[in-house]
Amino acid sequence: MARHVFLTGPPGVGKTTLIQKASEVLKSSGVPVDGFYTEEVRQGGKRIGFDVVTLSGLRGVLSRIGSEPPPGKRECRVGQYVVDLTSFEHLALPVLRNAGSSSGPEHRVCIIDEIGKMELFSQPFIQAVRQTLATPGTVVLGTIPIPKGKPLALVEEIRNRNDVQVFSVTKENRNHLLPDIVTCVQSVRK
């Protein structure tokens, strides 16, 4: 039986919006939810990068177009975006560690949006995701990219786990998936 729920689909199809709506529904029904999501940053109508935003409201840079890495740090680049690993790890790792240390009988939900190329430059993040997936009492609700080009090892590992349910999000089904996602997460918690 699935214990974790992941959404996949092309960029811009609505995965993050679905994750945000699902977390709101779960929270409003009394489910403990923590985690983070990524958000586009636009300037003058153009996308200039992405931020990581925790559910508690903290925000930091994930990537920016053409920015330089901090002095002494290796450059991690996806296309035109330079990833700020320090900023990402500063926000994402504590959230995952908190989720992985859940105690008590009640299951907690950890939102991880997303596990993609930018985030996978971080070895501590990869370890923390594996630890969170292995933690009893923690349900992960996350997003992964659709397979394209060279497979991403952690993404394929997640996709092939026996305890993961993957929903494919399309423009045609995205407005109807929310109840199924919430039901799936809630059934795991029982």
N, C-alpha and C. Protein backbone atom coordinates (compact mmCIF):
# COMPACT_ATOMS: atom_id res chain seq x y z
N MET A 1 0.84 -1.20 0.00
CA MET A 1 0.00 0.00 0.00
C MET A 1 0.88 1.25 0.00
N ALA A 2 0.45 2.26 -0.71
CA ALA A 2 1.21 3.51 -0.81
C ALA A 2 1.22 4.24 0.53
N ARG A 3 2.40 4.74 0.89
CA ARG A 3 2.52 5.55 2.10
C ARG A 3 2.86 7.00 1.75
N HIS A 4 3.46 7.20 0.58
CA HIS A 4 3.85 8.53 0.14
C HIS A 4 3.16 8.84 -1.18
N VAL A 5 2.89 10.12 -1.42
CA VAL A 5 2.18 10.54 -2.63
C VAL A 5 3.04 11.58 -3.35
N PHE A 6 3.27 11.33 -4.64
CA PHE A 6 4.04 12.27 -5.45
C PHE A 6 3.25 12.65 -6.69
N LEU A 7 3.40 13.91 -7.09
CA LEU A 7 2.79 14.41 -8.32
C LEU A 7 3.91 14.60 -9.34
N THR A 8 3.61 14.27 -10.59
CA THR A 8 4.56 14.49 -11.66
C THR A 8 3.82 15.08 -12.85
N GLY A 9 4.56 15.72 -13.72
CA GLY A 9 3.96 16.34 -14.90
C GLY A 9 4.90 17.39 -15.44
N PRO A 10 4.58 17.92 -16.61
CA PRO A 10 5.46 18.92 -17.22
C PRO A 10 5.52 20.22 -16.40
N PRO A 11 6.59 21.00 -16.58
CA PRO A 11 6.68 22.28 -15.88
C PRO A 11 5.48 23.17 -16.22
N GLY A 12 4.97 23.86 -15.20
CA GLY A 12 3.88 24.81 -15.41
C GLY A 12 2.49 24.21 -15.48
N VAL A 13 2.37 22.90 -15.23
CA VAL A 13 1.06 22.25 -15.35
C VAL A 13 0.18 22.45 -14.11
N GLY A 14 0.80 22.82 -12.98
CA GLY A 14 0.00 23.07 -11.77
C GLY A 14 0.33 22.17 -10.59
N LYS A 15 1.48 21.51 -10.60
CA LYS A 15 1.85 20.62 -9.49
C LYS A 15 1.97 21.37 -8.16
N THR A 16 2.67 22.50 -8.19
CA THR A 16 2.86 23.27 -6.96
C THR A 16 1.54 23.81 -6.45
N THR A 17 0.68 24.28 -7.34
CA THR A 17 -0.63 24.78 -6.92
C THR A 17 -1.44 23.66 -6.25
N LEU A 18 -1.40 22.46 -6.83
CA LEU A 18 -2.11 21.32 -6.23
C LEU A 18 -1.55 20.98 -4.85
N ILE A 19 -0.22 21.01 -4.73
CA ILE A 19 0.42 20.72 -3.44
C ILE A 19 -0.02 21.75 -2.39
N GLN A 20 -0.05 23.02 -2.78
CA GLN A 20 -0.45 24.07 -1.85
C GLN A 20 -1.91 23.89 -1.42
N LYS A 21 -2.78 23.59 -2.38
CA LYS A 21 -4.19 23.39 -2.04
C LYS A 21 -4.37 22.17 -1.14
N ALA A 22 -3.66 21.08 -1.45
CA ALA A 22 -3.76 19.86 -0.64
C ALA A 22 -3.28 20.13 0.78
N SER A 23 -2.19 20.89 0.93
CA SER A 23 -1.70 21.17 2.28
C SER A 23 -2.70 22.01 3.07
N GLU A 24 -3.37 22.95 2.39
CA GLU A 24 -4.40 23.76 3.06
C GLU A 24 -5.57 22.90 3.52
N VAL A 25 -6.03 21.98 2.65
CA VAL A 25 -7.14 21.10 3.01
C VAL A 25 -6.74 20.20 4.19
N LEU A 26 -5.54 19.65 4.13
CA LEU A 26 -5.08 18.76 5.21
C LEU A 26 -4.97 19.52 6.52
N LYS A 27 -4.37 20.72 6.48
CA LYS A 27 -4.23 21.53 7.70
C LYS A 27 -5.58 21.86 8.29
N SER A 28 -6.53 22.23 7.43
CA SER A 28 -7.85 22.63 7.92
C SER A 28 -8.61 21.46 8.53
N SER A 29 -8.20 20.23 8.19
CA SER A 29 -8.84 19.06 8.81
C SER A 29 -8.03 18.54 10.00
N GLY A 30 -7.07 19.35 10.46
CA GLY A 30 -6.34 19.01 11.68
C GLY A 30 -5.09 18.16 11.49
N VAL A 31 -4.65 17.96 10.27
CA VAL A 31 -3.46 17.15 10.00
C VAL A 31 -2.22 18.03 10.20
N PRO A 32 -1.22 17.56 10.96
CA PRO A 32 0.03 18.32 11.07
C PRO A 32 0.77 18.27 9.73
N VAL A 33 1.03 19.44 9.15
CA VAL A 33 1.69 19.54 7.85
C VAL A 33 2.85 20.52 7.96
N ASP A 34 4.00 20.13 7.42
CA ASP A 34 5.16 21.01 7.34
C ASP A 34 5.82 20.76 5.99
N GLY A 35 6.76 21.57 5.61
CA GLY A 35 7.46 21.34 4.36
C GLY A 35 7.76 22.62 3.64
N PHE A 36 8.01 22.49 2.34
CA PHE A 36 8.35 23.65 1.53
C PHE A 36 7.88 23.44 0.10
N TYR A 37 7.78 24.55 -0.62
CA TYR A 37 7.47 24.50 -2.04
C TYR A 37 8.36 25.50 -2.76
N THR A 38 8.44 25.36 -4.07
CA THR A 38 9.21 26.30 -4.87
C THR A 38 8.25 27.23 -5.59
N GLU A 39 8.69 28.46 -5.76
CA GLU A 39 7.83 29.46 -6.39
C GLU A 39 8.64 30.25 -7.40
N GLU A 40 8.04 30.47 -8.57
CA GLU A 40 8.68 31.31 -9.59
C GLU A 40 8.85 32.72 -9.06
N VAL A 41 9.96 33.35 -9.46
CA VAL A 41 10.17 34.76 -9.15
C VAL A 41 10.19 35.49 -10.50
N ARG A 42 9.32 36.48 -10.63
CA ARG A 42 9.21 37.22 -11.89
C ARG A 42 9.56 38.68 -11.67
N GLN A 43 10.12 39.26 -12.72
CA GLN A 43 10.44 40.68 -12.70
C GLN A 43 10.12 41.22 -14.09
N GLY A 44 9.28 42.22 -14.15
CA GLY A 44 8.89 42.77 -15.44
C GLY A 44 8.25 41.75 -16.35
N GLY A 45 7.50 40.81 -15.77
CA GLY A 45 6.80 39.79 -16.56
C GLY A 45 7.67 38.62 -17.00
N LYS A 46 8.96 38.65 -16.67
CA LYS A 46 9.86 37.56 -17.06
C LYS A 46 10.30 36.76 -15.83
N ARG A 47 10.39 35.45 -15.98
CA ARG A 47 10.88 34.61 -14.88
C ARG A 47 12.37 34.81 -14.74
N ILE A 48 12.79 35.17 -13.53
CA ILE A 48 14.21 35.40 -13.28
C ILE A 48 14.80 34.35 -12.33
N GLY A 49 13.94 33.47 -11.80
CA GLY A 49 14.45 32.45 -10.90
C GLY A 49 13.35 31.79 -10.10
N PHE A 50 13.80 31.12 -9.05
CA PHE A 50 12.89 30.41 -8.16
C PHE A 50 13.31 30.65 -6.72
N ASP A 51 12.32 30.72 -5.83
CA ASP A 51 12.56 30.78 -4.39
C ASP A 51 12.05 29.50 -3.75
N VAL A 52 12.60 29.18 -2.61
CA VAL A 52 12.07 28.10 -1.79
C VAL A 52 11.31 28.79 -0.65
N VAL A 53 10.08 28.31 -0.38
CA VAL A 53 9.21 28.92 0.62
C VAL A 53 8.74 27.82 1.56
N THR A 54 9.01 27.99 2.86
CA THR A 54 8.55 26.99 3.82
C THR A 54 7.09 27.26 4.16
N LEU A 55 6.38 26.24 4.64
CA LEU A 55 4.98 26.42 5.01
C LEU A 55 4.84 27.35 6.21
N SER A 56 5.93 27.56 6.96
CA SER A 56 5.88 28.51 8.07
C SER A 56 6.15 29.94 7.61
N GLY A 57 6.40 30.12 6.28
CA GLY A 57 6.50 31.47 5.73
C GLY A 57 7.92 31.97 5.47
N LEU A 58 8.94 31.18 5.78
CA LEU A 58 10.31 31.62 5.47
C LEU A 58 10.55 31.49 3.98
N ARG A 59 11.34 32.39 3.43
CA ARG A 59 11.59 32.41 1.99
C ARG A 59 13.07 32.66 1.75
N GLY A 60 13.61 31.98 0.72
CA GLY A 60 15.00 32.19 0.34
C GLY A 60 15.19 31.85 -1.12
N VAL A 61 16.33 32.25 -1.65
CA VAL A 61 16.65 32.03 -3.06
C VAL A 61 16.96 30.56 -3.30
N LEU A 62 16.35 30.00 -4.34
CA LEU A 62 16.75 28.69 -4.85
C LEU A 62 17.68 28.90 -6.05
N SER A 63 17.27 29.77 -6.98
CA SER A 63 18.11 30.03 -8.15
C SER A 63 17.75 31.38 -8.76
N ARG A 64 18.69 31.89 -9.53
CA ARG A 64 18.48 33.11 -10.29
C ARG A 64 19.18 32.99 -11.63
N ILE A 65 18.68 33.72 -12.61
CA ILE A 65 19.30 33.75 -13.94
C ILE A 65 20.67 34.40 -13.82
N GLY A 66 21.68 33.70 -14.35
CA GLY A 66 23.00 34.28 -14.53
C GLY A 66 23.70 34.82 -13.31
N SER A 67 23.18 34.59 -12.12
CA SER A 67 23.88 35.09 -10.94
C SER A 67 25.15 34.25 -10.73
N GLU A 68 26.06 34.80 -10.00
CA GLU A 68 27.31 34.09 -9.72
C GLU A 68 27.15 33.33 -8.40
N PRO A 69 27.81 32.17 -8.30
CA PRO A 69 27.76 31.45 -7.02
C PRO A 69 28.52 32.24 -5.96
N PRO A 70 28.19 32.02 -4.68
CA PRO A 70 28.93 32.72 -3.62
C PRO A 70 30.43 32.40 -3.73
N PRO A 71 31.30 33.32 -3.30
CA PRO A 71 32.75 33.08 -3.40
C PRO A 71 33.15 31.77 -2.72
N GLY A 72 33.97 31.01 -3.41
CA GLY A 72 34.45 29.74 -2.85
C GLY A 72 33.50 28.58 -3.04
N LYS A 73 32.34 28.80 -3.63
CA LYS A 73 31.36 27.73 -3.84
C LYS A 73 31.38 27.31 -5.30
N ARG A 74 31.16 26.01 -5.54
CA ARG A 74 31.12 25.55 -6.94
C ARG A 74 29.82 26.04 -7.59
N GLU A 75 29.89 26.22 -8.90
CA GLU A 75 28.70 26.68 -9.62
C GLU A 75 27.80 25.50 -9.93
N CYS A 76 26.57 25.61 -9.50
CA CYS A 76 25.56 24.60 -9.81
C CYS A 76 24.55 25.29 -10.71
N ARG A 77 24.47 24.83 -11.96
CA ARG A 77 23.66 25.52 -12.95
C ARG A 77 22.71 24.55 -13.61
N VAL A 78 21.46 24.99 -13.79
CA VAL A 78 20.47 24.27 -14.60
C VAL A 78 20.02 25.26 -15.66
N GLY A 79 20.47 25.03 -16.89
CA GLY A 79 20.19 25.97 -17.97
C GLY A 79 20.77 27.33 -17.62
N GLN A 80 19.93 28.35 -17.65
CA GLN A 80 20.39 29.70 -17.36
C GLN A 80 20.36 30.04 -15.87
N TYR A 81 19.87 29.11 -15.03
CA TYR A 81 19.70 29.37 -13.61
C TYR A 81 20.89 28.87 -12.80
N VAL A 82 21.40 29.73 -11.92
CA VAL A 82 22.45 29.35 -11.00
C VAL A 82 21.79 29.06 -9.64
N VAL A 83 22.04 27.87 -9.12
CA VAL A 83 21.40 27.42 -7.87
C VAL A 83 22.20 27.93 -6.67
N ASP A 84 21.49 28.50 -5.70
CA ASP A 84 22.10 28.95 -4.45
C ASP A 84 21.91 27.83 -3.42
N LEU A 85 22.86 26.90 -3.39
CA LEU A 85 22.75 25.74 -2.50
C LEU A 85 22.69 26.13 -1.03
N THR A 86 23.48 27.12 -0.64
CA THR A 86 23.51 27.53 0.77
C THR A 86 22.13 27.99 1.23
N SER A 87 21.51 28.85 0.44
CA SER A 87 20.18 29.36 0.78
C SER A 87 19.16 28.23 0.80
N PHE A 88 19.19 27.37 -0.21
CA PHE A 88 18.25 26.25 -0.28
C PHE A 88 18.39 25.34 0.93
N GLU A 89 19.62 24.92 1.22
CA GLU A 89 19.84 23.99 2.34
C GLU A 89 19.47 24.63 3.68
N HIS A 90 19.71 25.93 3.82
CA HIS A 90 19.39 26.64 5.06
C HIS A 90 17.89 26.54 5.37
N LEU A 91 17.05 26.55 4.33
CA LEU A 91 15.60 26.50 4.54
C LEU A 91 15.05 25.07 4.50
N ALA A 92 15.49 24.28 3.52
CA ALA A 92 14.88 22.97 3.30
C ALA A 92 15.32 21.92 4.31
N LEU A 93 16.60 21.90 4.67
CA LEU A 93 17.09 20.82 5.54
C LEU A 93 16.45 20.82 6.93
N PRO A 94 16.30 21.97 7.61
CA PRO A 94 15.64 21.93 8.93
C PRO A 94 14.20 21.40 8.85
N VAL A 95 13.49 21.76 7.78
CA VAL A 95 12.11 21.29 7.61
C VAL A 95 12.09 19.76 7.50
N LEU A 96 13.00 19.21 6.69
CA LEU A 96 13.04 17.74 6.53
C LEU A 96 13.48 17.06 7.82
N ARG A 97 14.41 17.65 8.53
CA ARG A 97 14.86 17.05 9.79
C ARG A 97 13.73 17.04 10.82
N ASN A 98 12.94 18.14 10.86
CA ASN A 98 11.79 18.18 11.77
C ASN A 98 10.79 17.09 11.42
N ALA A 99 10.51 16.93 10.13
CA ALA A 99 9.54 15.90 9.70
C ALA A 99 10.07 14.52 10.03
N GLY A 100 11.37 14.33 9.88
CA GLY A 100 11.97 13.03 10.14
C GLY A 100 12.08 12.69 11.61
N SER A 101 11.84 13.68 12.47
CA SER A 101 11.94 13.41 13.90
C SER A 101 10.56 13.36 14.54
N SER A 102 9.54 13.09 13.73
CA SER A 102 8.18 13.08 14.28
C SER A 102 8.05 11.95 15.29
N SER A 103 7.40 12.27 16.37
CA SER A 103 7.17 11.25 17.39
C SER A 103 5.71 11.30 17.78
N GLY A 104 5.26 10.27 18.41
CA GLY A 104 3.86 10.21 18.77
C GLY A 104 3.10 9.35 17.78
N PRO A 105 1.84 9.02 18.10
CA PRO A 105 1.08 8.09 17.28
C PRO A 105 0.55 8.69 15.99
N GLU A 106 0.46 10.03 15.93
CA GLU A 106 -0.18 10.64 14.77
C GLU A 106 0.81 10.84 13.63
N HIS A 107 0.39 10.48 12.43
CA HIS A 107 1.22 10.69 11.25
C HIS A 107 1.29 12.18 10.93
N ARG A 108 2.44 12.59 10.43
CA ARG A 108 2.64 13.97 9.97
C ARG A 108 2.82 13.93 8.46
N VAL A 109 2.48 15.02 7.81
CA VAL A 109 2.66 15.13 6.37
C VAL A 109 3.80 16.12 6.12
N CYS A 110 4.73 15.72 5.27
CA CYS A 110 5.85 16.58 4.89
C CYS A 110 5.74 16.89 3.40
N ILE A 111 5.61 18.17 3.08
CA ILE A 111 5.52 18.63 1.69
C ILE A 111 6.93 18.85 1.15
N ILE A 112 7.26 18.21 0.04
CA ILE A 112 8.56 18.42 -0.62
C ILE A 112 8.30 18.75 -2.09
N ASP A 113 8.30 20.05 -2.40
CA ASP A 113 8.06 20.52 -3.77
C ASP A 113 9.25 21.39 -4.18
N GLU A 114 10.23 20.90 -4.82
CA GLU A 114 10.17 19.69 -5.60
C GLU A 114 11.47 18.94 -5.43
N ILE A 115 11.50 17.72 -5.92
CA ILE A 115 12.74 16.94 -5.96
C ILE A 115 13.16 16.92 -7.42
N GLY A 116 13.92 17.94 -7.82
CA GLY A 116 14.30 18.11 -9.22
C GLY A 116 15.78 18.40 -9.36
N LYS A 117 16.18 18.75 -10.57
CA LYS A 117 17.60 18.95 -10.88
C LYS A 117 18.27 19.96 -9.96
N MET A 118 17.61 21.08 -9.70
CA MET A 118 18.24 22.12 -8.87
C MET A 118 18.48 21.61 -7.45
N GLU A 119 17.46 20.99 -6.87
CA GLU A 119 17.55 20.52 -5.49
C GLU A 119 18.55 19.37 -5.35
N LEU A 120 18.70 18.58 -6.42
CA LEU A 120 19.55 17.38 -6.34
C LEU A 120 21.04 17.70 -6.43
N PHE A 121 21.43 18.97 -6.56
CA PHE A 121 22.84 19.34 -6.42
C PHE A 121 23.28 19.16 -4.97
N SER A 122 22.32 19.13 -4.04
CA SER A 122 22.61 19.07 -2.60
C SER A 122 22.62 17.62 -2.10
N GLN A 123 23.81 17.12 -1.76
CA GLN A 123 23.90 15.78 -1.19
C GLN A 123 23.20 15.69 0.17
N PRO A 124 23.32 16.71 1.05
CA PRO A 124 22.57 16.64 2.32
C PRO A 124 21.05 16.57 2.09
N PHE A 125 20.55 17.25 1.05
CA PHE A 125 19.12 17.19 0.72
C PHE A 125 18.74 15.77 0.31
N ILE A 126 19.54 15.15 -0.55
CA ILE A 126 19.26 13.77 -0.99
C ILE A 126 19.19 12.85 0.21
N GLN A 127 20.14 12.98 1.13
CA GLN A 127 20.15 12.13 2.34
C GLN A 127 18.92 12.41 3.20
N ALA A 128 18.57 13.69 3.34
CA ALA A 128 17.41 14.05 4.17
C ALA A 128 16.10 13.54 3.57
N VAL A 129 15.97 13.57 2.24
CA VAL A 129 14.77 13.04 1.60
C VAL A 129 14.67 11.54 1.86
N ARG A 130 15.76 10.82 1.67
CA ARG A 130 15.74 9.37 1.93
C ARG A 130 15.36 9.07 3.38
N GLN A 131 15.92 9.85 4.30
CA GLN A 131 15.62 9.67 5.72
C GLN A 131 14.14 9.95 6.00
N THR A 132 13.61 11.00 5.41
CA THR A 132 12.20 11.36 5.62
C THR A 132 11.29 10.27 5.07
N LEU A 133 11.61 9.74 3.89
CA LEU A 133 10.81 8.66 3.30
C LEU A 133 10.84 7.40 4.17
N ALA A 134 11.92 7.22 4.91
CA ALA A 134 12.07 6.01 5.74
C ALA A 134 11.52 6.18 7.16
N THR A 135 11.13 7.40 7.53
CA THR A 135 10.69 7.66 8.90
C THR A 135 9.26 7.17 9.11
N PRO A 136 9.08 6.23 10.06
CA PRO A 136 7.71 5.80 10.39
C PRO A 136 6.91 7.00 10.90
N GLY A 137 5.66 7.07 10.50
CA GLY A 137 4.81 8.16 10.98
C GLY A 137 4.88 9.42 10.13
N THR A 138 5.73 9.42 9.10
CA THR A 138 5.81 10.59 8.21
C THR A 138 5.32 10.20 6.83
N VAL A 139 4.38 10.98 6.32
CA VAL A 139 3.85 10.80 4.97
C VAL A 139 4.41 11.94 4.12
N VAL A 140 5.05 11.61 3.01
CA VAL A 140 5.57 12.65 2.13
C VAL A 140 4.57 12.90 1.00
N LEU A 141 4.26 14.18 0.80
CA LEU A 141 3.48 14.63 -0.35
C LEU A 141 4.42 15.53 -1.13
N GLY A 142 4.86 15.06 -2.30
CA GLY A 142 5.88 15.79 -3.02
C GLY A 142 5.66 15.84 -4.51
N THR A 143 6.58 16.52 -5.19
CA THR A 143 6.53 16.57 -6.65
C THR A 143 7.88 16.13 -7.21
N ILE A 144 7.80 15.44 -8.35
CA ILE A 144 8.99 15.01 -9.08
C ILE A 144 8.77 15.34 -10.56
N PRO A 145 9.86 15.60 -11.29
CA PRO A 145 9.70 15.92 -12.71
C PRO A 145 9.38 14.67 -13.52
N ILE A 146 8.81 14.88 -14.71
CA ILE A 146 8.61 13.77 -15.62
C ILE A 146 9.98 13.37 -16.17
N PRO A 147 10.16 12.08 -16.47
CA PRO A 147 11.45 11.66 -17.01
C PRO A 147 11.74 12.36 -18.33
N LYS A 148 12.93 12.94 -18.43
CA LYS A 148 13.33 13.63 -19.65
C LYS A 148 14.85 13.66 -19.67
N GLY A 149 15.43 13.18 -20.73
CA GLY A 149 16.89 13.17 -20.80
C GLY A 149 17.47 12.13 -19.85
N LYS A 150 18.59 12.49 -19.25
CA LYS A 150 19.28 11.58 -18.33
C LYS A 150 18.45 11.41 -17.05
N PRO A 151 18.18 10.15 -16.66
CA PRO A 151 17.37 9.94 -15.45
C PRO A 151 18.06 10.52 -14.20
N LEU A 152 17.26 11.06 -13.31
CA LEU A 152 17.75 11.55 -12.02
C LEU A 152 17.62 10.41 -11.02
N ALA A 153 18.74 9.98 -10.45
CA ALA A 153 18.78 8.77 -9.62
C ALA A 153 17.73 8.77 -8.51
N LEU A 154 17.67 9.84 -7.70
CA LEU A 154 16.73 9.85 -6.58
C LEU A 154 15.28 9.85 -7.07
N VAL A 155 15.02 10.56 -8.16
CA VAL A 155 13.66 10.60 -8.71
C VAL A 155 13.24 9.20 -9.16
N GLU A 156 14.11 8.49 -9.83
CA GLU A 156 13.79 7.13 -10.28
C GLU A 156 13.62 6.19 -9.09
N GLU A 157 14.46 6.38 -8.08
CA GLU A 157 14.35 5.59 -6.85
C GLU A 157 12.97 5.78 -6.22
N ILE A 158 12.52 7.04 -6.15
CA ILE A 158 11.20 7.34 -5.58
C ILE A 158 10.10 6.73 -6.44
N ARG A 159 10.20 6.95 -7.74
CA ARG A 159 9.18 6.46 -8.68
C ARG A 159 9.02 4.93 -8.58
N ASN A 160 10.10 4.23 -8.26
CA ASN A 160 10.07 2.76 -8.22
C ASN A 160 9.82 2.17 -6.83
N ARG A 161 9.64 3.00 -5.83
CA ARG A 161 9.38 2.48 -4.48
C ARG A 161 7.98 1.85 -4.42
N ASN A 162 7.88 0.78 -3.66
CA ASN A 162 6.58 0.09 -3.49
C ASN A 162 5.59 0.91 -2.67
N ASP A 163 6.09 1.83 -1.86
CA ASP A 163 5.22 2.59 -0.96
C ASP A 163 4.90 3.99 -1.48
N VAL A 164 5.05 4.19 -2.81
CA VAL A 164 4.78 5.49 -3.41
C VAL A 164 3.66 5.40 -4.44
N GLN A 165 2.71 6.32 -4.34
CA GLN A 165 1.66 6.49 -5.34
C GLN A 165 2.00 7.74 -6.13
N VAL A 166 2.10 7.62 -7.46
CA VAL A 166 2.43 8.76 -8.31
C VAL A 166 1.20 9.16 -9.13
N PHE A 167 0.84 10.43 -9.02
CA PHE A 167 -0.25 10.98 -9.82
C PHE A 167 0.36 11.81 -10.94
N SER A 168 -0.04 11.56 -12.19
CA SER A 168 0.40 12.37 -13.32
C SER A 168 -0.57 13.53 -13.49
N VAL A 169 -0.05 14.74 -13.42
CA VAL A 169 -0.87 15.95 -13.52
C VAL A 169 -0.83 16.46 -14.96
N THR A 170 -2.01 16.70 -15.52
CA THR A 170 -2.13 17.28 -16.86
C THR A 170 -3.05 18.49 -16.78
N LYS A 171 -3.07 19.28 -17.82
CA LYS A 171 -3.99 20.42 -17.85
C LYS A 171 -5.43 19.94 -17.81
N GLU A 172 -5.66 18.74 -18.36
CA GLU A 172 -7.03 18.20 -18.41
C GLU A 172 -7.51 17.70 -17.05
N ASN A 173 -6.60 17.14 -16.22
CA ASN A 173 -7.06 16.53 -14.96
C ASN A 173 -6.72 17.33 -13.71
N ARG A 174 -5.93 18.38 -13.84
CA ARG A 174 -5.43 19.06 -12.64
C ARG A 174 -6.52 19.63 -11.74
N ASN A 175 -7.63 20.04 -12.31
CA ASN A 175 -8.70 20.61 -11.50
C ASN A 175 -9.56 19.55 -10.81
N HIS A 176 -9.32 18.28 -11.13
CA HIS A 176 -10.13 17.20 -10.55
C HIS A 176 -9.32 16.29 -9.63
N LEU A 177 -8.00 16.49 -9.53
CA LEU A 177 -7.14 15.58 -8.77
C LEU A 177 -7.13 15.84 -7.26
N LEU A 178 -7.42 17.06 -6.85
CA LEU A 178 -7.27 17.41 -5.44
C LEU A 178 -7.97 16.43 -4.48
N PRO A 179 -9.25 16.09 -4.70
CA PRO A 179 -9.89 15.15 -3.77
C PRO A 179 -9.17 13.79 -3.71
N ASP A 180 -8.70 13.29 -4.86
CA ASP A 180 -7.99 12.01 -4.87
C ASP A 180 -6.68 12.08 -4.09
N ILE A 181 -5.96 13.18 -4.25
CA ILE A 181 -4.68 13.35 -3.55
C ILE A 181 -4.92 13.41 -2.05
N VAL A 182 -5.86 14.25 -1.61
CA VAL A 182 -6.16 14.40 -0.19
C VAL A 182 -6.63 13.07 0.40
N THR A 183 -7.53 12.38 -0.31
CA THR A 183 -8.03 11.08 0.16
C THR A 183 -6.89 10.08 0.32
N CYS A 184 -6.00 10.06 -0.64
CA CYS A 184 -4.87 9.14 -0.60
C CYS A 184 -3.99 9.42 0.63
N VAL A 185 -3.67 10.69 0.87
CA VAL A 185 -2.85 11.06 2.02
C VAL A 185 -3.57 10.73 3.32
N GLN A 186 -4.86 11.05 3.39
CA GLN A 186 -5.62 10.79 4.62
C GLN A 186 -5.75 9.30 4.90
N SER A 187 -5.88 8.48 3.85
CA SER A 187 -6.00 7.03 4.08
C SER A 187 -4.70 6.45 4.62
N VAL A 188 -3.57 7.04 4.25
CA VAL A 188 -2.27 6.59 4.77
C VAL A 188 -2.19 6.88 6.25
N ARG A 189 -2.73 8.00 6.67
CA ARG A 189 -2.62 8.42 8.05
C ARG A 189 -3.42 7.56 9.01
N LYS A 190 -4.36 6.77 8.50
CA LYS A 190 -5.23 6.00 9.41
C LYS A 190 -4.59 4.71 9.85
